[in-house]
C-alpha cells in the first residue's frame, strides 16, 4: 500500500513542477493580452463591432502574437536592434518613464539565460526574520570606509522569482552555497520540491 501511495505522491509533485511554470507563463500572457485588447479593440470596434466576442478576442490575440514575433525578428537583426535602441533612447529621456523602463529592463535582462552572470552567487540569508533561511542571489558588493564588506542580495518570492526583496547585508551574515543559479531557480519556482541534495549541508 505504501508503494502506490508513494507513486501517487511522486506524480503529484511532478505535476506541480510542470504546472507552476505554465501558470506563471499563462499569467504573464493573459496580462499582455488584456493590455493589447484594451488598446486595440476600441480602435478596431468600428470595423469589427459585428463580430462575435470570441472572434474579436482571437483577433487581439493574433495581433499580440504578431507584435511579439515582429519584435523578436527586429531584435535578431542589426537594423532592428538599432531601431529598438533608438526607441529605448527616446524612452530614457522621459523622466518618470526612464526610471520605470530602465529598472524593468535590467530585471528582465538579469533573468535571461545569457545574462545569468548578473547573479554572482547563490547564498542563504536570514529572512524574513532571524532563525529562518531564504535563498538569495548576490548581485553586487561594496566595502565601507571602515573596511567591512557588504553585499546586495536579491531574495526572490515563490513561485514567481521575478519579484522579491532587496537586502543590503554584511558579507559576514551571508551563508555561501555551491548551488548553481539554475538549481536555485528550480528550487524557488517549485516551492522547494526540487531542492538540491546539498541543501542539508548548508542550512
N, C-alpha and C. Protein backbone atom coordinates (compact mmCIF):
# COMPACT_ATOMS: atom_id res chain seq x y z
N UNK A 1 0.83 -1.21 0.00
CA UNK A 1 0.00 0.00 0.00
C UNK A 1 0.86 1.26 0.00
N UNK A 2 2.00 1.18 0.71
CA UNK A 2 2.85 2.35 0.79
C UNK A 2 3.44 2.71 -0.57
N UNK A 3 3.75 1.67 -1.37
CA UNK A 3 4.36 1.94 -2.67
C UNK A 3 3.42 2.68 -3.61
N UNK A 4 2.14 2.25 -3.77
CA UNK A 4 1.22 3.03 -4.62
C UNK A 4 1.03 4.46 -4.13
N UNK A 5 0.95 4.63 -2.80
CA UNK A 5 0.78 5.98 -2.27
C UNK A 5 2.02 6.84 -2.57
N UNK A 6 3.19 6.20 -2.44
CA UNK A 6 4.41 6.94 -2.77
C UNK A 6 4.46 7.33 -4.23
N UNK A 7 3.97 6.45 -5.09
CA UNK A 7 3.96 6.75 -6.52
C UNK A 7 2.99 7.89 -6.82
N UNK A 8 1.83 7.85 -6.16
CA UNK A 8 0.86 8.94 -6.36
C UNK A 8 1.45 10.26 -5.90
N UNK A 9 2.11 10.25 -4.74
CA UNK A 9 2.72 11.48 -4.24
C UNK A 9 3.80 11.99 -5.18
N UNK A 10 4.60 11.07 -5.72
CA UNK A 10 5.65 11.46 -6.66
C UNK A 10 5.06 12.08 -7.92
N UNK A 11 3.98 11.49 -8.42
CA UNK A 11 3.34 12.03 -9.63
C UNK A 11 2.71 13.39 -9.36
N UNK A 12 2.15 13.57 -8.16
CA UNK A 12 1.58 14.87 -7.82
C UNK A 12 2.67 15.94 -7.76
N UNK A 13 3.80 15.60 -7.19
CA UNK A 13 4.92 16.55 -7.12
C UNK A 13 5.40 16.90 -8.52
N UNK A 14 5.53 15.89 -9.39
CA UNK A 14 5.97 16.13 -10.76
C UNK A 14 4.97 17.01 -11.49
N UNK A 15 3.68 16.75 -11.25
CA UNK A 15 2.65 17.57 -11.89
C UNK A 15 2.71 19.02 -11.44
N UNK A 16 2.96 19.24 -10.16
CA UNK A 16 3.08 20.60 -9.64
C UNK A 16 4.27 21.31 -10.28
N UNK A 17 5.39 20.57 -10.41
CA UNK A 17 6.59 21.16 -11.01
C UNK A 17 6.35 21.58 -12.44
N UNK A 18 5.48 20.84 -13.16
CA UNK A 18 5.13 21.21 -14.53
C UNK A 18 4.13 22.37 -14.54
N UNK A 19 3.20 22.35 -13.60
CA UNK A 19 2.11 23.32 -13.60
C UNK A 19 2.57 24.72 -13.24
N UNK A 20 3.50 24.86 -12.31
CA UNK A 20 3.91 26.18 -11.83
C UNK A 20 4.46 27.06 -12.95
N UNK A 21 5.45 26.58 -13.75
CA UNK A 21 5.93 27.44 -14.84
C UNK A 21 4.84 27.76 -15.86
N UNK A 22 3.94 26.78 -16.11
CA UNK A 22 2.84 27.04 -17.03
C UNK A 22 1.92 28.12 -16.49
N UNK A 23 1.65 28.06 -15.18
CA UNK A 23 0.78 29.07 -14.56
C UNK A 23 1.38 30.46 -14.68
N UNK A 24 2.69 30.57 -14.40
CA UNK A 24 3.35 31.87 -14.50
C UNK A 24 3.31 32.39 -15.93
N UNK A 25 3.57 31.48 -16.90
CA UNK A 25 3.55 31.88 -18.31
C UNK A 25 2.17 32.35 -18.73
N UNK A 26 1.14 31.59 -18.34
CA UNK A 26 -0.23 31.97 -18.69
C UNK A 26 -0.61 33.30 -18.05
N UNK A 27 -0.18 33.50 -16.81
CA UNK A 27 -0.48 34.75 -16.11
C UNK A 27 0.11 35.95 -16.86
N UNK A 28 1.36 35.83 -17.27
CA UNK A 28 2.02 36.93 -17.99
C UNK A 28 1.36 37.16 -19.34
N UNK A 29 1.08 36.06 -20.07
CA UNK A 29 0.45 36.20 -21.38
C UNK A 29 -0.96 36.80 -21.25
N UNK A 30 -1.66 36.42 -20.20
CA UNK A 30 -3.01 36.96 -20.01
C UNK A 30 -2.95 38.46 -19.74
N UNK A 31 -1.95 38.88 -18.95
CA UNK A 31 -1.80 40.31 -18.68
C UNK A 31 -1.47 41.07 -19.97
N UNK A 32 -0.58 40.50 -20.79
CA UNK A 32 -0.24 41.13 -22.07
C UNK A 32 -1.45 41.17 -23.00
N UNK A 33 -2.23 40.08 -22.99
CA UNK A 33 -3.42 40.03 -23.84
C UNK A 33 -4.43 41.09 -23.43
N UNK A 34 -4.65 41.22 -22.10
CA UNK A 34 -5.58 42.24 -21.63
C UNK A 34 -5.12 43.64 -21.99
N UNK A 35 -3.81 43.87 -21.89
CA UNK A 35 -3.26 45.17 -22.26
C UNK A 35 -3.46 45.45 -23.75
N UNK A 36 -3.17 44.47 -24.58
CA UNK A 36 -3.31 44.64 -26.03
C UNK A 36 -4.77 44.84 -26.42
N UNK A 37 -5.64 44.01 -25.85
CA UNK A 37 -7.06 44.13 -26.19
C UNK A 37 -7.61 45.49 -25.76
N UNK A 38 -7.17 45.97 -24.60
CA UNK A 38 -7.65 47.27 -24.13
C UNK A 38 -7.26 48.41 -25.05
N UNK A 39 -6.14 48.27 -25.75
CA UNK A 39 -5.71 49.32 -26.66
C UNK A 39 -6.32 49.14 -28.05
N UNK A 40 -6.33 47.89 -28.53
CA UNK A 40 -6.72 47.64 -29.92
C UNK A 40 -8.22 47.62 -30.16
N UNK A 41 -8.96 47.01 -29.24
CA UNK A 41 -10.40 46.84 -29.50
C UNK A 41 -11.13 48.16 -29.69
N UNK A 42 -10.86 49.20 -28.88
CA UNK A 42 -11.54 50.48 -29.15
C UNK A 42 -11.23 51.03 -30.54
N UNK A 43 -10.01 50.77 -31.03
CA UNK A 43 -9.64 51.25 -32.36
C UNK A 43 -10.31 50.41 -33.44
N UNK A 44 -10.40 49.10 -33.20
CA UNK A 44 -10.94 48.19 -34.21
C UNK A 44 -12.46 48.07 -34.17
N UNK A 45 -13.08 48.57 -33.10
CA UNK A 45 -14.52 48.39 -32.93
C UNK A 45 -15.35 48.81 -34.14
N UNK A 46 -15.08 49.95 -34.77
CA UNK A 46 -15.91 50.33 -35.92
C UNK A 46 -15.92 49.28 -37.03
N UNK A 47 -14.81 48.56 -37.18
CA UNK A 47 -14.73 47.58 -38.26
C UNK A 47 -15.18 46.19 -37.85
N UNK A 48 -15.09 45.88 -36.55
CA UNK A 48 -15.39 44.51 -36.13
C UNK A 48 -16.48 44.45 -35.08
N UNK A 49 -17.26 45.52 -34.95
CA UNK A 49 -18.28 45.52 -33.89
C UNK A 49 -19.36 44.46 -34.11
N UNK A 50 -19.49 43.97 -35.36
CA UNK A 50 -20.49 42.94 -35.64
C UNK A 50 -19.92 41.53 -35.46
N UNK A 51 -18.63 41.43 -35.14
CA UNK A 51 -18.01 40.12 -34.93
C UNK A 51 -18.43 39.56 -33.57
N UNK A 52 -18.46 38.24 -33.43
CA UNK A 52 -18.71 37.64 -32.11
C UNK A 52 -17.57 37.98 -31.15
N UNK A 53 -17.85 38.08 -29.86
CA UNK A 53 -16.80 38.41 -28.88
C UNK A 53 -15.58 37.49 -28.99
N UNK A 54 -15.82 36.20 -29.22
CA UNK A 54 -14.70 35.26 -29.32
C UNK A 54 -13.79 35.60 -30.50
N UNK A 55 -14.41 35.99 -31.61
CA UNK A 55 -13.63 36.33 -32.81
C UNK A 55 -12.83 37.60 -32.58
N UNK A 56 -13.41 38.55 -31.87
CA UNK A 56 -12.69 39.81 -31.58
C UNK A 56 -11.52 39.55 -30.66
N UNK A 57 -11.73 38.68 -29.67
CA UNK A 57 -10.63 38.34 -28.77
C UNK A 57 -9.53 37.60 -29.52
N UNK A 58 -9.93 36.71 -30.43
CA UNK A 58 -8.94 35.98 -31.23
C UNK A 58 -8.12 36.94 -32.08
N UNK A 59 -8.78 37.97 -32.59
CA UNK A 59 -8.06 38.97 -33.40
C UNK A 59 -7.03 39.70 -32.54
N UNK A 60 -7.41 40.08 -31.34
CA UNK A 60 -6.46 40.76 -30.44
C UNK A 60 -5.28 39.85 -30.11
N UNK A 61 -5.57 38.56 -29.88
CA UNK A 61 -4.50 37.61 -29.58
C UNK A 61 -3.56 37.46 -30.77
N UNK A 62 -4.14 37.39 -31.97
CA UNK A 62 -3.33 37.25 -33.17
C UNK A 62 -2.42 38.47 -33.36
N UNK A 63 -2.96 39.64 -33.10
CA UNK A 63 -2.16 40.87 -33.24
C UNK A 63 -1.05 40.89 -32.20
N UNK A 64 -1.36 40.45 -30.96
CA UNK A 64 -0.34 40.39 -29.91
C UNK A 64 0.81 39.47 -30.33
N UNK A 65 0.46 38.28 -30.82
CA UNK A 65 1.49 37.33 -31.25
C UNK A 65 2.29 37.90 -32.41
N UNK A 66 1.61 38.60 -33.31
CA UNK A 66 2.32 39.20 -34.44
C UNK A 66 3.30 40.27 -33.97
N UNK A 67 2.86 41.09 -33.02
CA UNK A 67 3.74 42.15 -32.50
C UNK A 67 4.96 41.53 -31.82
N UNK A 68 4.74 40.49 -31.01
CA UNK A 68 5.85 39.82 -30.32
C UNK A 68 6.81 39.20 -31.33
N UNK A 69 6.25 38.59 -32.37
CA UNK A 69 7.09 37.97 -33.40
C UNK A 69 7.92 39.02 -34.13
N UNK A 70 7.29 40.13 -34.49
CA UNK A 70 7.99 41.19 -35.21
C UNK A 70 9.11 41.77 -34.34
N UNK A 71 8.82 41.96 -33.05
CA UNK A 71 9.87 42.46 -32.15
C UNK A 71 11.04 41.48 -32.05
N UNK A 72 10.70 40.18 -32.01
CA UNK A 72 11.75 39.17 -31.99
C UNK A 72 12.59 39.19 -33.24
N UNK A 73 11.93 39.37 -34.40
CA UNK A 73 12.66 39.46 -35.66
C UNK A 73 13.56 40.69 -35.68
N UNK A 74 13.02 41.81 -35.20
CA UNK A 74 13.81 43.04 -35.18
C UNK A 74 15.04 42.88 -34.29
N UNK A 75 14.83 42.25 -33.11
CA UNK A 75 15.93 42.09 -32.17
C UNK A 75 17.01 41.15 -32.69
N UNK A 76 16.67 40.32 -33.68
CA UNK A 76 17.63 39.36 -34.23
C UNK A 76 18.47 39.93 -35.36
N UNK A 77 18.16 41.14 -35.82
CA UNK A 77 18.89 41.73 -36.93
C UNK A 77 19.50 43.08 -36.51
N UNK A 78 20.58 43.43 -37.14
CA UNK A 78 21.32 44.64 -36.78
C UNK A 78 20.45 45.88 -36.90
N UNK A 79 19.75 46.02 -38.03
CA UNK A 79 18.91 47.21 -38.24
C UNK A 79 17.81 47.26 -37.18
N UNK A 80 17.22 46.10 -36.90
CA UNK A 80 16.18 46.04 -35.88
C UNK A 80 16.70 46.42 -34.51
N UNK A 81 17.89 45.93 -34.18
CA UNK A 81 18.47 46.27 -32.87
C UNK A 81 18.73 47.77 -32.76
N UNK A 82 19.13 48.37 -33.88
CA UNK A 82 19.35 49.82 -33.87
C UNK A 82 18.04 50.57 -33.68
N UNK A 83 16.98 50.07 -34.31
CA UNK A 83 15.66 50.70 -34.15
C UNK A 83 15.20 50.60 -32.70
N UNK A 84 15.38 49.41 -32.11
CA UNK A 84 14.98 49.22 -30.71
C UNK A 84 15.82 50.10 -29.79
N UNK A 85 17.11 50.20 -30.08
CA UNK A 85 17.99 51.06 -29.28
C UNK A 85 17.56 52.51 -29.38
N UNK A 86 17.14 52.93 -30.57
CA UNK A 86 16.68 54.31 -30.75
C UNK A 86 15.41 54.55 -29.94
N UNK A 87 14.48 53.60 -29.98
CA UNK A 87 13.24 53.73 -29.21
C UNK A 87 13.54 53.77 -27.71
N UNK A 88 14.49 52.93 -27.27
CA UNK A 88 14.86 52.93 -25.85
C UNK A 88 15.50 54.26 -25.46
N UNK A 89 16.32 54.81 -26.35
CA UNK A 89 16.97 56.10 -26.07
C UNK A 89 15.93 57.20 -25.89
N UNK A 90 14.87 57.13 -26.68
CA UNK A 90 13.79 58.12 -26.56
C UNK A 90 13.07 57.95 -25.22
N UNK A 91 12.77 56.68 -24.86
CA UNK A 91 12.09 56.42 -23.59
C UNK A 91 12.93 56.88 -22.40
N UNK A 92 14.24 56.67 -22.51
CA UNK A 92 15.13 57.01 -21.39
C UNK A 92 15.32 58.51 -21.22
N UNK A 93 14.75 59.30 -22.12
CA UNK A 93 14.80 60.75 -21.98
C UNK A 93 13.59 61.30 -21.23
N UNK A 94 12.58 60.47 -21.06
CA UNK A 94 11.37 60.90 -20.35
C UNK A 94 11.57 60.61 -18.86
N UNK A 95 11.52 61.62 -18.00
CA UNK A 95 11.91 61.46 -16.59
C UNK A 95 11.30 60.26 -15.87
N UNK A 96 9.97 60.20 -15.77
CA UNK A 96 9.35 59.12 -14.99
C UNK A 96 9.46 57.79 -15.72
N UNK A 97 9.19 57.81 -17.02
CA UNK A 97 9.26 56.59 -17.82
C UNK A 97 10.66 56.00 -17.78
N UNK A 98 11.67 56.86 -17.75
CA UNK A 98 13.06 56.40 -17.75
C UNK A 98 13.34 55.49 -16.57
N UNK A 99 12.89 55.89 -15.38
CA UNK A 99 13.16 55.10 -14.18
C UNK A 99 12.47 53.74 -14.26
N UNK A 100 11.19 53.76 -14.64
CA UNK A 100 10.41 52.51 -14.70
C UNK A 100 10.97 51.58 -15.76
N UNK A 101 11.22 52.12 -16.96
CA UNK A 101 11.68 51.27 -18.06
C UNK A 101 13.06 50.70 -17.78
N UNK A 102 13.96 51.53 -17.28
CA UNK A 102 15.33 51.08 -17.04
C UNK A 102 15.36 49.97 -16.00
N UNK A 103 14.60 50.16 -14.92
CA UNK A 103 14.56 49.14 -13.87
C UNK A 103 13.96 47.83 -14.40
N UNK A 104 12.86 47.96 -15.16
CA UNK A 104 12.21 46.77 -15.71
C UNK A 104 13.14 46.04 -16.67
N UNK A 105 13.83 46.79 -17.50
CA UNK A 105 14.73 46.17 -18.48
C UNK A 105 15.88 45.44 -17.80
N UNK A 106 16.40 46.01 -16.74
CA UNK A 106 17.51 45.37 -16.03
C UNK A 106 17.06 44.09 -15.35
N UNK A 107 15.84 44.10 -14.79
CA UNK A 107 15.32 42.89 -14.15
C UNK A 107 15.13 41.78 -15.17
N UNK A 108 14.53 42.13 -16.33
CA UNK A 108 14.32 41.12 -17.37
C UNK A 108 15.66 40.58 -17.86
N UNK A 109 16.62 41.46 -18.07
CA UNK A 109 17.94 41.03 -18.55
C UNK A 109 18.61 40.09 -17.55
N UNK A 110 18.40 40.37 -16.28
CA UNK A 110 19.01 39.52 -15.25
C UNK A 110 18.47 38.11 -15.28
N UNK A 111 17.23 37.95 -15.73
CA UNK A 111 16.63 36.63 -15.74
C UNK A 111 16.78 35.91 -17.07
N UNK A 112 17.34 36.57 -18.07
CA UNK A 112 17.63 35.90 -19.33
C UNK A 112 18.83 34.99 -19.12
N UNK A 113 18.82 33.83 -19.76
CA UNK A 113 19.88 32.84 -19.56
C UNK A 113 21.26 33.41 -19.85
N UNK A 114 21.37 34.20 -20.93
CA UNK A 114 22.68 34.72 -21.28
C UNK A 114 23.16 35.79 -20.32
N UNK A 115 22.25 36.28 -19.44
CA UNK A 115 22.63 37.33 -18.51
C UNK A 115 22.67 36.82 -17.08
N UNK A 116 22.66 35.49 -16.89
CA UNK A 116 22.61 34.96 -15.54
C UNK A 116 23.81 35.39 -14.70
N UNK A 117 24.88 35.84 -15.38
CA UNK A 117 26.04 36.30 -14.63
C UNK A 117 25.72 37.53 -13.79
N UNK A 118 24.54 38.15 -14.02
CA UNK A 118 24.12 39.27 -13.18
C UNK A 118 23.99 38.82 -11.73
N UNK A 119 23.74 37.53 -11.52
CA UNK A 119 23.72 36.97 -10.18
C UNK A 119 25.08 36.34 -9.92
N UNK A 120 25.83 36.92 -9.02
CA UNK A 120 27.20 36.46 -8.80
C UNK A 120 27.26 35.10 -8.13
N UNK A 121 26.38 34.87 -7.18
CA UNK A 121 26.39 33.59 -6.47
C UNK A 121 25.07 33.39 -5.75
N UNK A 122 24.83 32.15 -5.33
CA UNK A 122 23.62 31.80 -4.58
C UNK A 122 24.00 31.68 -3.10
N UNK A 123 23.23 32.32 -2.25
CA UNK A 123 23.54 32.33 -0.82
C UNK A 123 22.28 32.07 -0.01
N UNK A 124 22.46 31.88 1.27
CA UNK A 124 21.34 31.81 2.21
C UNK A 124 21.43 33.02 3.13
N UNK A 125 20.29 33.64 3.39
CA UNK A 125 20.24 34.77 4.31
C UNK A 125 19.12 34.54 5.32
N UNK A 126 19.25 35.19 6.48
CA UNK A 126 18.20 35.11 7.49
C UNK A 126 17.09 36.06 7.10
N UNK A 127 15.98 35.50 6.61
CA UNK A 127 14.86 36.31 6.13
C UNK A 127 13.62 35.43 6.15
N UNK A 128 12.46 35.93 6.57
CA UNK A 128 12.13 37.32 6.89
C UNK A 128 12.45 37.76 8.32
N UNK A 129 12.94 36.82 9.16
CA UNK A 129 13.41 37.25 10.48
C UNK A 129 14.46 36.26 10.95
N UNK A 130 15.26 36.63 11.95
CA UNK A 130 16.35 35.77 12.41
C UNK A 130 15.87 34.36 12.73
N UNK A 131 16.65 33.38 12.32
CA UNK A 131 16.31 32.00 12.58
C UNK A 131 15.77 31.29 11.36
N UNK A 132 15.25 32.04 10.39
CA UNK A 132 14.75 31.46 9.15
C UNK A 132 15.76 31.72 8.03
N UNK A 133 15.85 30.79 7.09
CA UNK A 133 16.78 30.92 5.98
C UNK A 133 16.01 31.05 4.67
N UNK A 134 16.48 31.93 3.79
CA UNK A 134 15.90 32.11 2.47
C UNK A 134 17.00 32.08 1.41
N UNK A 135 16.62 31.60 0.24
CA UNK A 135 17.54 31.61 -0.90
C UNK A 135 17.70 33.04 -1.39
N UNK A 136 18.95 33.43 -1.68
CA UNK A 136 19.20 34.76 -2.20
C UNK A 136 20.27 34.73 -3.29
N UNK A 137 20.28 35.78 -4.10
CA UNK A 137 21.28 35.91 -5.16
C UNK A 137 22.10 37.18 -4.90
N UNK A 138 23.41 37.02 -4.78
CA UNK A 138 24.28 38.18 -4.60
C UNK A 138 24.37 38.92 -5.94
N UNK A 139 23.99 40.19 -5.94
CA UNK A 139 24.00 40.97 -7.18
C UNK A 139 25.16 41.96 -7.24
N UNK A 140 25.67 42.36 -6.08
CA UNK A 140 26.82 43.27 -6.07
C UNK A 140 27.40 43.30 -4.67
N UNK A 141 28.55 43.94 -4.55
CA UNK A 141 29.18 44.08 -3.25
C UNK A 141 29.94 45.39 -3.15
N UNK A 142 30.19 45.82 -1.94
CA UNK A 142 30.93 47.06 -1.75
C UNK A 142 31.62 47.02 -0.39
N UNK A 143 32.56 47.92 -0.21
CA UNK A 143 33.30 48.00 1.05
C UNK A 143 33.07 49.36 1.69
N UNK A 144 32.72 49.37 2.96
CA UNK A 144 32.51 50.61 3.69
C UNK A 144 33.85 51.22 4.10
N UNK A 145 33.84 52.51 4.45
CA UNK A 145 35.11 53.17 4.86
C UNK A 145 35.82 52.47 6.00
N UNK A 146 35.08 51.76 6.86
CA UNK A 146 35.73 51.07 7.98
C UNK A 146 36.35 49.74 7.56
N UNK A 147 36.23 49.41 6.25
CA UNK A 147 36.84 48.18 5.74
C UNK A 147 35.92 46.98 5.73
N UNK A 148 34.71 47.09 6.27
CA UNK A 148 33.78 45.96 6.31
C UNK A 148 33.16 45.74 4.92
N UNK A 149 32.99 44.47 4.57
CA UNK A 149 32.43 44.10 3.27
C UNK A 149 30.92 43.91 3.39
N UNK A 150 30.20 44.40 2.40
CA UNK A 150 28.75 44.29 2.36
C UNK A 150 28.31 43.76 1.01
N UNK A 151 27.14 43.11 1.00
CA UNK A 151 26.55 42.57 -0.24
C UNK A 151 25.14 43.08 -0.43
N UNK A 152 24.76 43.27 -1.68
CA UNK A 152 23.34 43.44 -2.00
C UNK A 152 22.84 42.08 -2.47
N UNK A 153 21.76 41.62 -1.87
CA UNK A 153 21.24 40.28 -2.13
C UNK A 153 19.77 40.38 -2.53
N UNK A 154 19.44 39.76 -3.65
CA UNK A 154 18.05 39.69 -4.10
C UNK A 154 17.44 38.40 -3.59
N UNK A 155 16.37 38.52 -2.80
CA UNK A 155 15.66 37.36 -2.27
C UNK A 155 14.36 37.20 -3.04
N UNK A 156 14.26 36.19 -3.93
CA UNK A 156 13.06 36.05 -4.76
C UNK A 156 11.88 35.47 -4.00
N UNK A 157 10.68 35.74 -4.49
CA UNK A 157 9.48 35.14 -3.91
C UNK A 157 9.17 33.84 -4.64
N UNK A 158 8.38 33.01 -4.01
CA UNK A 158 7.98 31.71 -4.56
C UNK A 158 6.49 31.74 -4.89
N UNK A 159 6.04 31.22 -6.06
CA UNK A 159 6.85 30.56 -7.10
C UNK A 159 7.27 31.51 -8.22
N UNK A 160 7.05 32.81 -8.04
CA UNK A 160 7.39 33.78 -9.08
C UNK A 160 8.67 34.51 -8.72
N UNK A 161 9.82 34.09 -9.27
CA UNK A 161 11.10 34.68 -8.86
C UNK A 161 11.38 36.05 -9.46
N UNK A 162 10.46 36.57 -10.28
CA UNK A 162 10.70 37.91 -10.85
C UNK A 162 10.33 39.01 -9.87
N UNK A 163 9.75 38.65 -8.73
CA UNK A 163 9.50 39.62 -7.66
C UNK A 163 10.27 39.16 -6.42
N UNK A 164 10.52 40.08 -5.52
CA UNK A 164 11.25 39.70 -4.32
C UNK A 164 11.65 40.90 -3.49
N UNK A 165 12.69 40.73 -2.71
CA UNK A 165 13.14 41.76 -1.77
C UNK A 165 14.64 41.99 -1.94
N UNK A 166 15.04 43.23 -1.84
CA UNK A 166 16.46 43.58 -1.92
C UNK A 166 16.99 43.78 -0.52
N UNK A 167 18.00 42.99 -0.16
CA UNK A 167 18.60 43.07 1.17
C UNK A 167 20.02 43.62 1.03
N UNK A 168 20.41 44.51 1.93
CA UNK A 168 21.78 45.02 2.00
C UNK A 168 22.37 44.52 3.30
N UNK A 169 23.30 43.57 3.19
CA UNK A 169 23.74 42.81 4.36
C UNK A 169 25.26 42.81 4.50
N UNK A 170 25.76 42.71 5.72
CA UNK A 170 27.20 42.49 5.90
C UNK A 170 27.56 41.14 5.27
N UNK A 171 28.69 41.07 4.61
CA UNK A 171 29.11 39.82 3.97
C UNK A 171 29.22 38.69 4.99
N UNK A 172 29.51 39.04 6.23
CA UNK A 172 29.66 38.02 7.27
C UNK A 172 28.34 37.34 7.62
N UNK A 173 27.21 37.96 7.30
CA UNK A 173 25.91 37.38 7.63
C UNK A 173 25.30 36.61 6.47
N UNK A 174 26.03 36.52 5.38
CA UNK A 174 25.57 35.79 4.20
C UNK A 174 26.22 34.42 4.19
N UNK A 175 25.41 33.36 4.06
CA UNK A 175 25.93 32.00 4.05
C UNK A 175 26.14 31.56 2.61
N UNK A 176 27.38 31.35 2.18
CA UNK A 176 27.62 30.94 0.79
C UNK A 176 27.16 29.50 0.54
N UNK A 177 26.80 29.21 -0.69
CA UNK A 177 26.44 27.84 -1.09
C UNK A 177 27.17 27.52 -2.39
N UNK A 178 27.11 26.25 -2.77
CA UNK A 178 27.68 25.81 -4.04
C UNK A 178 26.58 25.56 -5.07
N UNK A 179 25.36 26.06 -4.79
CA UNK A 179 24.26 25.87 -5.73
C UNK A 179 24.52 26.70 -6.99
N UNK A 180 24.12 26.16 -8.14
CA UNK A 180 24.14 26.96 -9.36
C UNK A 180 22.89 27.83 -9.39
N UNK A 181 22.93 28.85 -10.24
CA UNK A 181 21.75 29.73 -10.37
C UNK A 181 20.55 28.92 -10.84
N UNK A 182 20.77 27.99 -11.77
CA UNK A 182 19.67 27.17 -12.28
C UNK A 182 19.06 26.32 -11.17
N UNK A 183 19.91 25.73 -10.31
CA UNK A 183 19.39 24.92 -9.21
C UNK A 183 18.56 25.78 -8.25
N UNK A 184 19.04 26.98 -7.97
CA UNK A 184 18.31 27.87 -7.07
C UNK A 184 16.96 28.27 -7.66
N UNK A 185 16.95 28.57 -8.97
CA UNK A 185 15.70 28.93 -9.62
C UNK A 185 14.71 27.76 -9.59
N UNK A 186 15.19 26.57 -9.83
CA UNK A 186 14.32 25.40 -9.78
C UNK A 186 13.71 25.24 -8.39
N UNK A 187 14.51 25.47 -7.38
CA UNK A 187 14.04 25.34 -6.01
C UNK A 187 12.96 26.37 -5.70
N UNK A 188 13.20 27.62 -6.12
CA UNK A 188 12.24 28.69 -5.85
C UNK A 188 10.93 28.47 -6.61
N UNK A 189 11.03 28.15 -7.90
CA UNK A 189 9.84 28.01 -8.74
C UNK A 189 9.04 26.76 -8.40
N UNK A 190 9.68 25.73 -7.83
CA UNK A 190 8.96 24.51 -7.44
C UNK A 190 8.52 24.55 -5.99
N UNK A 191 8.69 25.71 -5.35
CA UNK A 191 8.33 25.88 -3.94
C UNK A 191 9.07 24.90 -3.04
N UNK A 192 10.31 24.61 -3.42
CA UNK A 192 11.15 23.73 -2.60
C UNK A 192 11.05 22.27 -2.94
N UNK A 193 10.15 21.91 -3.86
CA UNK A 193 10.00 20.50 -4.23
C UNK A 193 11.28 19.97 -4.86
N UNK A 194 11.87 20.76 -5.75
CA UNK A 194 13.10 20.37 -6.43
C UNK A 194 14.28 21.03 -5.71
N UNK A 195 14.64 20.49 -4.57
CA UNK A 195 15.73 21.06 -3.76
C UNK A 195 17.01 20.27 -3.98
N UNK A 196 18.15 20.95 -4.11
CA UNK A 196 19.42 20.23 -4.22
C UNK A 196 19.69 19.38 -3.00
N UNK A 197 20.28 18.21 -3.22
CA UNK A 197 20.59 17.33 -2.09
C UNK A 197 21.57 17.93 -1.12
N UNK A 198 22.36 18.92 -1.60
CA UNK A 198 23.37 19.56 -0.75
C UNK A 198 22.76 20.60 0.20
N UNK A 199 21.45 20.82 0.12
CA UNK A 199 20.81 21.84 0.95
C UNK A 199 21.04 21.56 2.44
N UNK A 200 20.99 20.29 2.81
CA UNK A 200 21.15 19.93 4.25
C UNK A 200 22.52 20.27 4.78
N UNK A 201 23.50 20.45 3.87
CA UNK A 201 24.86 20.72 4.30
C UNK A 201 25.11 22.19 4.61
N UNK A 202 24.18 23.06 4.19
CA UNK A 202 24.42 24.50 4.39
C UNK A 202 23.40 25.16 5.32
N UNK A 203 22.31 24.47 5.59
CA UNK A 203 21.27 25.08 6.46
C UNK A 203 21.69 24.96 7.92
